[in-house]
Every structure is written in C-alpha cells, then in structure tokens.
Amino acid sequence: MIGMGVTSSGNFTTGGAVCIDGVLKDGDIQALTLSVSRGGEFHGRATARFVEIFGKVNGDLTATDQIILRASAEVTGRISAPYITMHRGACVNGEVMTLERNT
C-alpha cells in the first residue's frame, strides 16, 4: 500500500492487493488486485486480475478479468481487459482494448 501523502517508486509483485492512495512513479505491478484511490496516482505498468481506478494513471493497465474506471478516473495510456467498465465522467486518453474472454 502506498499511503496518502507518500510518493514512492519501484516494483511490486504480490498474490494479493496493491492499493495506491499516494503516488507511485516508475512502477511495475503484478498483483491479484490493483486499486488507485481518488487522490492516488500511478505512473507505470500494471497487470492484475481486477483493476479499479478512482484516481490518475499514466501508463499501461492490463487485467485478466476486469477493469473498472470510476467517474473520477483519469487514464493516459493503454487499458486492456476482457471486461471494461467506464463510469460516466471517466476520462481515457489512449487505447482501450477488449481482450478475448475465457469461457
């Protein structure tokens, strides 16, 4: 977890959750879940089963299941997942790719 008011950089690999309430720069994340809070920022590349964005992302997000962009989300870069949900107000500047769904 990157707490509110904290700025960090680096890579995270976990079988659990990564929650960003602060700022993570030059990150490379591999996790079960990734959450960027309303005041959080993530700059880098991430792969997770489930991704939920309330804050800002500059980079590439890949989910093996689902990406949810809440109304306050601002993403610059590429997002790709089998299921992508964008709430009204979410902003994406970049590529949106729907991946093949596993049945």
PDB file of N, CA and C in Angstrom:
ATOM      1  N   MET A   1       0.844  -1.188   0.000  1.00  0.00           N
ATOM      2  CA  MET A   1       0.000   0.000   0.000  1.00  0.00           C
ATOM      3  C   MET A   1       0.880   1.238   0.000  1.00  0.00           C
ATOM      4  N   ILE A   2       0.521   2.168  -0.844  1.00  0.00           N
ATOM      5  CA  ILE A   2       1.177   3.471  -0.877  1.00  0.00           C
ATOM      6  C   ILE A   2       0.194   4.443  -0.241  1.00  0.00           C
ATOM      7  N   GLY A   3       0.524   4.913   0.952  1.00  0.00           N
ATOM      8  CA  GLY A   3      -0.388   5.747   1.723  1.00  0.00           C
ATOM      9  C   GLY A   3      -0.539   7.159   1.185  1.00  0.00           C
ATOM     10  N   MET A   4      -1.607   7.814   1.598  1.00  0.00           N
ATOM     11  CA  MET A   4      -1.882   9.184   1.217  1.00  0.00           C
ATOM     12  C   MET A   4      -0.716  10.069   1.655  1.00  0.00           C
ATOM     13  N   GLY A   5      -0.262  10.925   0.769  1.00  0.00           N
ATOM     14  CA  GLY A   5       0.841  11.822   1.076  1.00  0.00           C
ATOM     15  C   GLY A   5       2.217  11.215   0.837  1.00  0.00           C
ATOM     16  N   VAL A   6       2.271   9.944   0.461  1.00  0.00           N
ATOM     17  CA  VAL A   6       3.540   9.251   0.219  1.00  0.00           C
ATOM     18  C   VAL A   6       3.800   9.191  -1.285  1.00  0.00           C
ATOM     19  N   THR A   7       5.046   9.488  -1.679  1.00  0.00           N
ATOM     20  CA  THR A   7       5.482   9.320  -3.061  1.00  0.00           C
ATOM     21  C   THR A   7       6.579   8.281  -3.071  1.00  0.00           C
ATOM     22  N   SER A   8       6.448   7.294  -3.947  1.00  0.00           N
ATOM     23  CA  SER A   8       7.401   6.192  -3.990  1.00  0.00           C
ATOM     24  C   SER A   8       7.617   5.772  -5.433  1.00  0.00           C
ATOM     25  N   SER A   9       8.616   4.919  -5.634  1.00  0.00           N
ATOM     26  CA  SER A   9       8.836   4.322  -6.945  1.00  0.00           C
ATOM     27  C   SER A   9       9.284   2.891  -6.726  1.00  0.00           C
ATOM     28  N   GLY A  10       9.082   2.067  -7.734  1.00  0.00           N
ATOM     29  CA  GLY A  10       9.530   0.692  -7.601  1.00  0.00           C
ATOM     30  C   GLY A  10       8.539  -0.308  -8.136  1.00  0.00           C
ATOM     31  N   ASN A  11       8.908  -1.570  -7.967  1.00  0.00           N
ATOM     32  CA  ASN A  11       8.123  -2.680  -8.493  1.00  0.00           C
ATOM     33  C   ASN A  11       7.471  -3.458  -7.362  1.00  0.00           C
ATOM     34  N   PHE A  12       6.275  -3.957  -7.628  1.00  0.00           N
ATOM     35  CA  PHE A  12       5.543  -4.753  -6.652  1.00  0.00           C
ATOM     36  C   PHE A  12       5.043  -6.026  -7.326  1.00  0.00           C
ATOM     37  N   THR A  13       5.336  -7.164  -6.727  1.00  0.00           N
ATOM     38  CA  THR A  13       4.796  -8.438  -7.175  1.00  0.00           C
ATOM     39  C   THR A  13       4.186  -9.110  -5.960  1.00  0.00           C
ATOM     40  N   THR A  14       2.885  -9.391  -6.024  1.00  0.00           N
ATOM     41  CA  THR A  14       2.193  -9.976  -4.880  1.00  0.00           C
ATOM     42  C   THR A  14       1.016 -10.812  -5.359  1.00  0.00           C
ATOM     43  N   GLY A  15       0.660 -11.789  -4.570  1.00  0.00           N
ATOM     44  CA  GLY A  15      -0.532 -12.577  -4.842  1.00  0.00           C
ATOM     45  C   GLY A  15      -1.763 -11.948  -4.231  1.00  0.00           C
ATOM     46  N   GLY A  16      -1.603 -10.750  -3.669  1.00  0.00           N
ATOM     47  CA  GLY A  16      -2.697 -10.051  -3.004  1.00  0.00           C
ATOM     48  C   GLY A  16      -3.004  -8.724  -3.676  1.00  0.00           C
ATOM     49  N   ALA A  17      -3.390  -7.760  -2.849  1.00  0.00           N
ATOM     50  CA  ALA A  17      -3.852  -6.465  -3.332  1.00  0.00           C
ATOM     51  C   ALA A  17      -2.767  -5.401  -3.231  1.00  0.00           C
ATOM     52  N   VAL A  18      -2.772  -4.498  -4.209  1.00  0.00           N
ATOM     53  CA  VAL A  18      -1.963  -3.287  -4.159  1.00  0.00           C
ATOM     54  C   VAL A  18      -2.932  -2.117  -4.182  1.00  0.00           C
ATOM     55  N   CYS A  19      -2.844  -1.258  -3.163  1.00  0.00           N
ATOM     56  CA  CYS A  19      -3.710  -0.084  -3.049  1.00  0.00           C
ATOM     57  C   CYS A  19      -2.832   1.163  -3.079  1.00  0.00           C
ATOM     58  N   ILE A  20      -3.129   2.079  -3.968  1.00  0.00           N
ATOM     59  CA  ILE A  20      -2.350   3.303  -4.095  1.00  0.00           C
ATOM     60  C   ILE A  20      -3.227   4.480  -3.701  1.00  0.00           C
ATOM     61  N   ASP A  21      -2.904   5.067  -2.551  1.00  0.00           N
ATOM     62  CA  ASP A  21      -3.587   6.272  -2.092  1.00  0.00           C
ATOM     63  C   ASP A  21      -2.699   7.496  -2.284  1.00  0.00           C
ATOM     64  N   GLY A  22      -1.390   7.263  -2.444  1.00  0.00           N
ATOM     65  CA  GLY A  22      -0.409   8.316  -2.683  1.00  0.00           C
ATOM     66  C   GLY A  22       0.000   8.312  -4.146  1.00  0.00           C
ATOM     67  N   VAL A  23       1.327   8.410  -4.379  1.00  0.00           N
ATOM     68  CA  VAL A  23       1.856   8.460  -5.744  1.00  0.00           C
ATOM     69  C   VAL A  23       2.908   7.369  -5.910  1.00  0.00           C
ATOM     70  N   LEU A  24       2.760   6.554  -6.945  1.00  0.00           N
ATOM     71  CA  LEU A  24       3.762   5.552  -7.298  1.00  0.00           C
ATOM     72  C   LEU A  24       4.259   5.876  -8.695  1.00  0.00           C
ATOM     73  N   LYS A  25       5.564   6.218  -8.784  1.00  0.00           N
ATOM     74  CA  LYS A  25       6.177   6.568 -10.065  1.00  0.00           C
ATOM     75  C   LYS A  25       7.059   5.431 -10.539  1.00  0.00           C
ATOM     76  N   ASP A  26       7.199   5.320 -11.838  1.00  0.00           N
ATOM     77  CA  ASP A  26       8.063   4.298 -12.449  1.00  0.00           C
ATOM     78  C   ASP A  26       7.774   2.918 -11.882  1.00  0.00           C
ATOM     79  N   GLY A  27       6.508   2.602 -11.722  1.00  0.00           N
ATOM     80  CA  GLY A  27       6.110   1.335 -11.119  1.00  0.00           C
ATOM     81  C   GLY A  27       5.878   0.234 -12.130  1.00  0.00           C
ATOM     82  N   ASP A  28       6.129  -0.972 -11.680  1.00  0.00           N
ATOM     83  CA  ASP A  28       5.785  -2.179 -12.429  1.00  0.00           C
ATOM     84  C   ASP A  28       5.099  -3.092 -11.420  1.00  0.00           C
ATOM     85  N   ILE A  29       3.796  -3.268 -11.587  1.00  0.00           N
ATOM     86  CA  ILE A  29       2.998  -4.008 -10.605  1.00  0.00           C
ATOM     87  C   ILE A  29       2.460  -5.283 -11.226  1.00  0.00           C
ATOM     88  N   GLN A  30       2.569  -6.379 -10.467  1.00  0.00           N
ATOM     89  CA  GLN A  30       1.893  -7.630 -10.793  1.00  0.00           C
ATOM     90  C   GLN A  30       1.206  -8.061  -9.510  1.00  0.00           C
ATOM     91  N   ALA A  31      -0.125  -8.116  -9.540  1.00  0.00           N
ATOM     92  CA  ALA A  31      -0.889  -8.380  -8.320  1.00  0.00           C
ATOM     93  C   ALA A  31      -2.210  -9.058  -8.657  1.00  0.00           C
ATOM     94  N   LEU A  32      -2.876  -9.529  -7.619  1.00  0.00           N
ATOM     95  CA  LEU A  32      -4.219 -10.072  -7.792  1.00  0.00           C
ATOM     96  C   LEU A  32      -5.193  -8.936  -8.083  1.00  0.00           C
ATOM     97  N   THR A  33      -5.111  -7.866  -7.275  1.00  0.00           N
ATOM     98  CA  THR A  33      -5.961  -6.699  -7.488  1.00  0.00           C
ATOM     99  C   THR A  33      -5.133  -5.426  -7.378  1.00  0.00           C
ATOM    100  N   LEU A  34      -5.556  -4.410  -8.118  1.00  0.00           N
ATOM    101  CA  LEU A  34      -4.942  -3.085  -8.057  1.00  0.00           C
ATOM    102  C   LEU A  34      -6.044  -2.063  -7.903  1.00  0.00           C
ATOM    103  N   SER A  35      -5.859  -1.168  -6.942  1.00  0.00           N
ATOM    104  CA  SER A  35      -6.809  -0.082  -6.725  1.00  0.00           C
ATOM    105  C   SER A  35      -6.036   1.229  -6.600  1.00  0.00           C
ATOM    106  N   VAL A  36      -6.451   2.233  -7.367  1.00  0.00           N
ATOM    107  CA  VAL A  36      -5.884   3.572  -7.253  1.00  0.00           C
ATOM    108  C   VAL A  36      -7.006   4.472  -6.762  1.00  0.00           C
ATOM    109  N   SER A  37      -6.832   5.038  -5.566  1.00  0.00           N
ATOM    110  CA  SER A  37      -7.895   5.834  -4.948  1.00  0.00           C
ATOM    111  C   SER A  37      -8.057   7.183  -5.640  1.00  0.00           C
ATOM    112  N   ARG A  38      -9.070   7.905  -5.247  1.00  0.00           N
ATOM    113  CA  ARG A  38      -9.401   9.197  -5.847  1.00  0.00           C
ATOM    114  C   ARG A  38      -8.221  10.169  -5.797  1.00  0.00           C
ATOM    115  N   GLY A  39      -7.466  10.182  -4.727  1.00  0.00           N
ATOM    116  CA  GLY A  39      -6.306  11.066  -4.608  1.00  0.00           C
ATOM    117  C   GLY A  39      -5.009  10.414  -5.031  1.00  0.00           C
ATOM    118  N   GLY A  40      -5.073   9.171  -5.483  1.00  0.00           N
ATOM    119  CA  GLY A  40      -3.878   8.418  -5.833  1.00  0.00           C
ATOM    120  C   GLY A  40      -3.453   8.619  -7.278  1.00  0.00           C
ATOM    121  N   GLU A  41      -2.149   8.371  -7.509  1.00  0.00           N
ATOM    122  CA  GLU A  41      -1.592   8.447  -8.857  1.00  0.00           C
ATOM    123  C   GLU A  41      -0.666   7.268  -9.080  1.00  0.00           C
ATOM    124  N   PHE A  42      -0.752   6.684 -10.259  1.00  0.00           N
ATOM    125  CA  PHE A  42       0.136   5.589 -10.636  1.00  0.00           C
ATOM    126  C   PHE A  42       0.743   5.892 -11.994  1.00  0.00           C
ATOM    127  N   HIS A  43       2.061   5.824 -12.072  1.00  0.00           N
ATOM    128  CA  HIS A  43       2.796   6.042 -13.315  1.00  0.00           C
ATOM    129  C   HIS A  43       3.606   4.785 -13.587  1.00  0.00           C
ATOM    130  N   GLY A  44       3.229   4.036 -14.605  1.00  0.00           N
ATOM    131  CA  GLY A  44       3.964   2.812 -14.901  1.00  0.00           C
ATOM    132  C   GLY A  44       3.123   1.794 -15.635  1.00  0.00           C
ATOM    133  N   ARG A  45       3.395   0.537 -15.309  1.00  0.00           N
ATOM    134  CA  ARG A  45       2.749  -0.588 -15.990  1.00  0.00           C
ATOM    135  C   ARG A  45       2.233  -1.548 -14.930  1.00  0.00           C
ATOM    136  N   ALA A  46       1.011  -2.051 -15.112  1.00  0.00           N
ATOM    137  CA  ALA A  46       0.431  -2.962 -14.121  1.00  0.00           C
ATOM    138  C   ALA A  46      -0.352  -4.078 -14.792  1.00  0.00           C
ATOM    139  N   THR A  47      -0.250  -5.263 -14.189  1.00  0.00           N
ATOM    140  CA  THR A  47      -1.048  -6.414 -14.597  1.00  0.00           C
ATOM    141  C   THR A  47      -1.675  -7.003 -13.346  1.00  0.00           C
ATOM    142  N   ALA A  48      -2.986  -7.181 -13.374  1.00  0.00           N
ATOM    143  CA  ALA A  48      -3.712  -7.741 -12.229  1.00  0.00           C
ATOM    144  C   ALA A  48      -4.955  -8.452 -12.748  1.00  0.00           C
ATOM    145  N   ARG A  49      -5.550  -9.244 -11.902  1.00  0.00           N
ATOM    146  CA  ARG A  49      -6.809  -9.900 -12.280  1.00  0.00           C
ATOM    147  C   ARG A  49      -7.928  -8.868 -12.347  1.00  0.00           C
ATOM    148  N   PHE A  50      -7.957  -7.995 -11.340  1.00  0.00           N
ATOM    149  CA  PHE A  50      -9.018  -6.998 -11.215  1.00  0.00           C
ATOM    150  C   PHE A  50      -8.380  -5.643 -10.938  1.00  0.00           C
ATOM    151  N   VAL A  51      -8.793  -4.614 -11.687  1.00  0.00           N
ATOM    152  CA  VAL A  51      -8.254  -3.262 -11.530  1.00  0.00           C
ATOM    153  C   VAL A  51      -9.419  -2.298 -11.349  1.00  0.00           C
ATOM    154  N   GLU A  52      -9.298  -1.426 -10.350  1.00  0.00           N
ATOM    155  CA  GLU A  52     -10.323  -0.399 -10.121  1.00  0.00           C
ATOM    156  C   GLU A  52      -9.619   0.942  -9.934  1.00  0.00           C
ATOM    157  N   ILE A  53      -9.999   1.920 -10.760  1.00  0.00           N
ATOM    158  CA  ILE A  53      -9.330   3.213 -10.761  1.00  0.00           C
ATOM    159  C   ILE A  53     -10.326   4.317 -10.402  1.00  0.00           C
ATOM    160  N   PHE A  54      -9.980   5.065  -9.361  1.00  0.00           N
ATOM    161  CA  PHE A  54     -10.711   6.268  -8.983  1.00  0.00           C
ATOM    162  C   PHE A  54      -9.860   7.508  -9.275  1.00  0.00           C
ATOM    163  N   GLY A  55      -8.535   7.342  -9.301  1.00  0.00           N
ATOM    164  CA  GLY A  55      -7.585   8.444  -9.425  1.00  0.00           C
ATOM    165  C   GLY A  55      -6.957   8.540 -10.807  1.00  0.00           C
ATOM    166  N   LYS A  56      -5.644   8.879 -10.824  1.00  0.00           N
ATOM    167  CA  LYS A  56      -4.936   9.135 -12.077  1.00  0.00           C
ATOM    168  C   LYS A  56      -3.954   8.016 -12.389  1.00  0.00           C
ATOM    169  N   VAL A  57      -3.910   7.649 -13.660  1.00  0.00           N
ATOM    170  CA  VAL A  57      -2.956   6.645 -14.141  1.00  0.00           C
ATOM    171  C   VAL A  57      -2.312   7.171 -15.410  1.00  0.00           C
ATOM    172  N   ASN A  58      -0.994   7.042 -15.466  1.00  0.00           N
ATOM    173  CA  ASN A  58      -0.253   7.362 -16.674  1.00  0.00           C
ATOM    174  C   ASN A  58       0.582   6.136 -16.998  1.00  0.00           C
ATOM    175  N   GLY A  59       0.107   5.317 -17.936  1.00  0.00           N
ATOM    176  CA  GLY A  59       0.814   4.086 -18.264  1.00  0.00           C
ATOM    177  C   GLY A  59      -0.137   3.038 -18.806  1.00  0.00           C
ATOM    178  N   ASP A  60       0.270   1.795 -18.670  1.00  0.00           N
ATOM    179  CA  ASP A  60      -0.488   0.678 -19.231  1.00  0.00           C
ATOM    180  C   ASP A  60      -1.092  -0.196 -18.140  1.00  0.00           C
ATOM    181  N   LEU A  61      -2.386  -0.476 -18.268  1.00  0.00           N
ATOM    182  CA  LEU A  61      -3.094  -1.346 -17.333  1.00  0.00           C
ATOM    183  C   LEU A  61      -3.622  -2.561 -18.089  1.00  0.00           C
ATOM    184  N   THR A  62      -3.329  -3.744 -17.568  1.00  0.00           N
ATOM    185  CA  THR A  62      -3.863  -4.976 -18.141  1.00  0.00           C
ATOM    186  C   THR A  62      -4.524  -5.769 -17.030  1.00  0.00           C
ATOM    187  N   ALA A  63      -5.758  -6.191 -17.255  1.00  0.00           N
ATOM    188  CA  ALA A  63      -6.461  -7.039 -16.291  1.00  0.00           C
ATOM    189  C   ALA A  63      -6.821  -8.348 -16.979  1.00  0.00           C
ATOM    190  N   THR A  64      -6.658  -9.438 -16.254  1.00  0.00           N
ATOM    191  CA  THR A  64      -7.047 -10.734 -16.811  1.00  0.00           C
ATOM    192  C   THR A  64      -8.541 -10.970 -16.668  1.00  0.00           C
ATOM    193  N   ASP A  65      -9.221 -10.154 -15.844  1.00  0.00           N
ATOM    194  CA  ASP A  65     -10.666 -10.267 -15.669  1.00  0.00           C
ATOM    195  C   ASP A  65     -11.357  -8.950 -16.010  1.00  0.00           C
ATOM    196  N   GLN A  66     -11.184  -7.914 -15.166  1.00  0.00           N
ATOM    197  CA  GLN A  66     -11.975  -6.701 -15.344  1.00  0.00           C
ATOM    198  C   GLN A  66     -11.220  -5.454 -14.915  1.00  0.00           C
ATOM    199  N   ILE A  67     -11.469  -4.370 -15.659  1.00  0.00           N
ATOM    200  CA  ILE A  67     -11.025  -3.031 -15.278  1.00  0.00           C
ATOM    201  C   ILE A  67     -12.271  -2.183 -15.099  1.00  0.00           C
ATOM    202  N   ILE A  68     -12.346  -1.487 -13.964  1.00  0.00           N
ATOM    203  CA  ILE A  68     -13.440  -0.543 -13.714  1.00  0.00           C
ATOM    204  C   ILE A  68     -12.838   0.845 -13.568  1.00  0.00           C
ATOM    205  N   LEU A  69     -13.306   1.775 -14.388  1.00  0.00           N
ATOM    206  CA  LEU A  69     -12.893   3.167 -14.293  1.00  0.00           C
ATOM    207  C   LEU A  69     -14.059   3.951 -13.708  1.00  0.00           C
ATOM    208  N   ARG A  70     -13.877   4.417 -12.495  1.00  0.00           N
ATOM    209  CA  ARG A  70     -14.923   5.190 -11.819  1.00  0.00           C
ATOM    210  C   ARG A  70     -14.992   6.601 -12.404  1.00  0.00           C
ATOM    211  N   ALA A  71     -16.009   7.349 -12.055  1.00  0.00           N
ATOM    212  CA  ALA A  71     -16.262   8.667 -12.637  1.00  0.00           C
ATOM    213  C   ALA A  71     -15.088   9.627 -12.486  1.00  0.00           C
ATOM    214  N   SER A  72     -14.317   9.497 -11.423  1.00  0.00           N
ATOM    215  CA  SER A  72     -13.194  10.403 -11.168  1.00  0.00           C
ATOM    216  C   SER A  72     -11.892   9.941 -11.814  1.00  0.00           C
ATOM    217  N   ALA A  73     -11.900   8.812 -12.518  1.00  0.00           N
ATOM    218  CA  ALA A  73     -10.678   8.242 -13.106  1.00  0.00           C
ATOM    219  C   ALA A  73     -10.179   9.075 -14.282  1.00  0.00           C
ATOM    220  N   GLU A  74      -8.848   9.232 -14.329  1.00  0.00           N
ATOM    221  CA  GLU A  74      -8.174   9.874 -15.457  1.00  0.00           C
ATOM    222  C   GLU A  74      -7.028   8.965 -15.874  1.00  0.00           C
ATOM    223  N   VAL A  75      -7.136   8.361 -17.052  1.00  0.00           N
ATOM    224  CA  VAL A  75      -6.123   7.420 -17.523  1.00  0.00           C
ATOM    225  C   VAL A  75      -5.520   7.925 -18.828  1.00  0.00           C
ATOM    226  N   THR A  76      -4.197   7.993 -18.847  1.00  0.00           N
ATOM    227  CA  THR A  76      -3.453   8.303 -20.059  1.00  0.00           C
ATOM    228  C   THR A  76      -2.586   7.091 -20.348  1.00  0.00           C
ATOM    229  N   GLY A  77      -2.858   6.421 -21.459  1.00  0.00           N
ATOM    230  CA  GLY A  77      -2.112   5.213 -21.782  1.00  0.00           C
ATOM    231  C   GLY A  77      -3.020   4.160 -22.378  1.00  0.00           C
ATOM    232  N   ARG A  78      -2.680   2.912 -22.116  1.00  0.00           N
ATOM    233  CA  ARG A  78      -3.436   1.798 -22.703  1.00  0.00           C
ATOM    234  C   ARG A  78      -4.084   0.964 -21.608  1.00  0.00           C
ATOM    235  N   ILE A  79      -5.365   0.626 -21.807  1.00  0.00           N
ATOM    236  CA  ILE A  79      -6.034  -0.305 -20.899  1.00  0.00           C
ATOM    237  C   ILE A  79      -6.516  -1.495 -21.720  1.00  0.00           C
ATOM    238  N   SER A  80      -6.361  -2.683 -21.141  1.00  0.00           N
ATOM    239  CA  SER A  80      -6.817  -3.884 -21.840  1.00  0.00           C
ATOM    240  C   SER A  80      -7.295  -4.907 -20.830  1.00  0.00           C
ATOM    241  N   ALA A  81      -8.448  -5.495 -21.136  1.00  0.00           N
ATOM    242  CA  ALA A  81      -9.074  -6.494 -20.268  1.00  0.00           C
ATOM    243  C   ALA A  81     -10.227  -7.143 -21.022  1.00  0.00           C
ATOM    244  N   PRO A  82     -10.642  -8.339 -20.594  1.00  0.00           N
ATOM    245  CA  PRO A  82     -11.829  -8.948 -21.203  1.00  0.00           C
ATOM    246  C   PRO A  82     -13.105  -8.141 -20.932  1.00  0.00           C
ATOM    247  N   TYR A  83     -13.171  -7.536 -19.751  1.00  0.00           N
ATOM    248  CA  TYR A  83     -14.343  -6.743 -19.362  1.00  0.00           C
ATOM    249  C   TYR A  83     -13.865  -5.379 -18.888  1.00  0.00           C
ATOM    250  N   ILE A  84     -14.405  -4.318 -19.493  1.00  0.00           N
ATOM    251  CA  ILE A  84     -14.027  -2.951 -19.143  1.00  0.00           C
ATOM    252  C   ILE A  84     -15.297  -2.165 -18.869  1.00  0.00           C
ATOM    253  N   THR A  85     -15.350  -1.532 -17.703  1.00  0.00           N
ATOM    254  CA  THR A  85     -16.490  -0.697 -17.329  1.00  0.00           C
ATOM    255  C   THR A  85     -16.001   0.727 -17.122  1.00  0.00           C
ATOM    256  N   MET A  86     -16.602   1.672 -17.841  1.00  0.00           N
ATOM    257  CA  MET A  86     -16.272   3.088 -17.680  1.00  0.00           C
ATOM    258  C   MET A  86     -17.504   3.823 -17.187  1.00  0.00           C
ATOM    259  N   HIS A  87     -17.388   4.397 -16.009  1.00  0.00           N
ATOM    260  CA  HIS A  87     -18.490   5.187 -15.476  1.00  0.00           C
ATOM    261  C   HIS A  87     -18.495   6.564 -16.139  1.00  0.00           C
ATOM    262  N   ARG A  88     -19.663   7.164 -16.198  1.00  0.00           N
ATOM    263  CA  ARG A  88     -19.812   8.495 -16.778  1.00  0.00           C
ATOM    264  C   ARG A  88     -18.885   9.459 -16.050  1.00  0.00           C
ATOM    265  N   GLY A  89     -18.066  10.171 -16.803  1.00  0.00           N
ATOM    266  CA  GLY A  89     -17.111  11.111 -16.228  1.00  0.00           C
ATOM    267  C   GLY A  89     -15.678  10.608 -16.279  1.00  0.00           C
ATOM    268  N   ALA A  90     -15.499   9.302 -16.409  1.00  0.00           N
ATOM    269  CA  ALA A  90     -14.146   8.746 -16.518  1.00  0.00           C
ATOM    270  C   ALA A  90     -13.512   9.236 -17.818  1.00  0.00           C
ATOM    271  N   CYS A  91     -12.210   9.496 -17.768  1.00  0.00           N
ATOM    272  CA  CYS A  91     -11.501  10.036 -18.922  1.00  0.00           C
ATOM    273  C   CYS A  91     -10.358   9.105 -19.310  1.00  0.00           C
ATOM    274  N   VAL A  92     -10.315   8.721 -20.581  1.00  0.00           N
ATOM    275  CA  VAL A  92      -9.225   7.894 -21.096  1.00  0.00           C
ATOM    276  C   VAL A  92      -8.635   8.587 -22.315  1.00  0.00           C
ATOM    277  N   ASN A  93      -7.351   8.859 -22.252  1.00  0.00           N
ATOM    278  CA  ASN A  93      -6.606   9.386 -23.389  1.00  0.00           C
ATOM    279  C   ASN A  93      -5.607   8.315 -23.781  1.00  0.00           C
ATOM    280  N   GLY A  94      -5.956   7.540 -24.798  1.00  0.00           N
ATOM    281  CA  GLY A  94      -5.090   6.444 -25.203  1.00  0.00           C
ATOM    282  C   GLY A  94      -5.888   5.332 -25.854  1.00  0.00           C
ATOM    283  N   GLU A  95      -5.404   4.114 -25.681  1.00  0.00           N
ATOM    284  CA  GLU A  95      -6.002   2.934 -26.302  1.00  0.00           C
ATOM    285  C   GLU A  95      -6.844   2.145 -25.313  1.00  0.00           C
ATOM    286  N   VAL A  96      -7.980   1.661 -25.775  1.00  0.00           N
ATOM    287  CA  VAL A  96      -8.816   0.752 -24.988  1.00  0.00           C
ATOM    288  C   VAL A  96      -8.965  -0.522 -25.809  1.00  0.00           C
ATOM    289  N   MET A  97      -8.514  -1.640 -25.235  1.00  0.00           N
ATOM    290  CA  MET A  97      -8.558  -2.914 -25.950  1.00  0.00           C
ATOM    291  C   MET A  97      -9.321  -3.946 -25.133  1.00  0.00           C
ATOM    292  N   THR A  98     -10.309  -4.568 -25.762  1.00  0.00           N
ATOM    293  CA  THR A  98     -11.031  -5.656 -25.115  1.00  0.00           C
ATOM    294  C   THR A  98     -10.358  -6.963 -25.499  1.00  0.00           C
ATOM    295  N   LEU A  99      -9.890  -7.696 -24.484  1.00  0.00           N
ATOM    296  CA  LEU A  99      -9.202  -8.962 -24.708  1.00  0.00           C
ATOM    297  C   LEU A  99     -10.193 -10.104 -24.847  1.00  0.00           C
ATOM    298  N   GLU A 100      -9.737 -11.199 -25.400  1.00  0.00           N
ATOM    299  CA  GLU A 100     -10.570 -12.392 -25.535  1.00  0.00           C
ATOM    300  C   GLU A 100     -11.020 -12.870 -24.160  1.00  0.00           C
ATOM    301  N   ARG A 101     -12.286 -13.228 -24.083  1.00  0.00           N
ATOM    302  CA  ARG A 101     -12.862 -13.689 -22.813  1.00  0.00           C
ATOM    303  C   ARG A 101     -12.720 -15.189 -22.694  1.00  0.00           C
ATOM    304  N   ASN A 102     -12.265 -15.629 -21.534  1.00  0.00           N
ATOM    305  CA  ASN A 102     -12.183 -17.067 -21.251  1.00  0.00           C
ATOM    306  C   ASN A 102     -13.542 -17.557 -20.805  1.00  0.00           C
ATOM    307  N   THR A 103     -14.024 -18.617 -21.399  1.00  0.00           N
ATOM    308  CA  THR A 103     -15.343 -19.132 -21.020  1.00  0.00           C
ATOM    309  C   THR A 103     -15.221 -20.448 -20.304  1.00  0.00           C
TER     310      THR A 103
END
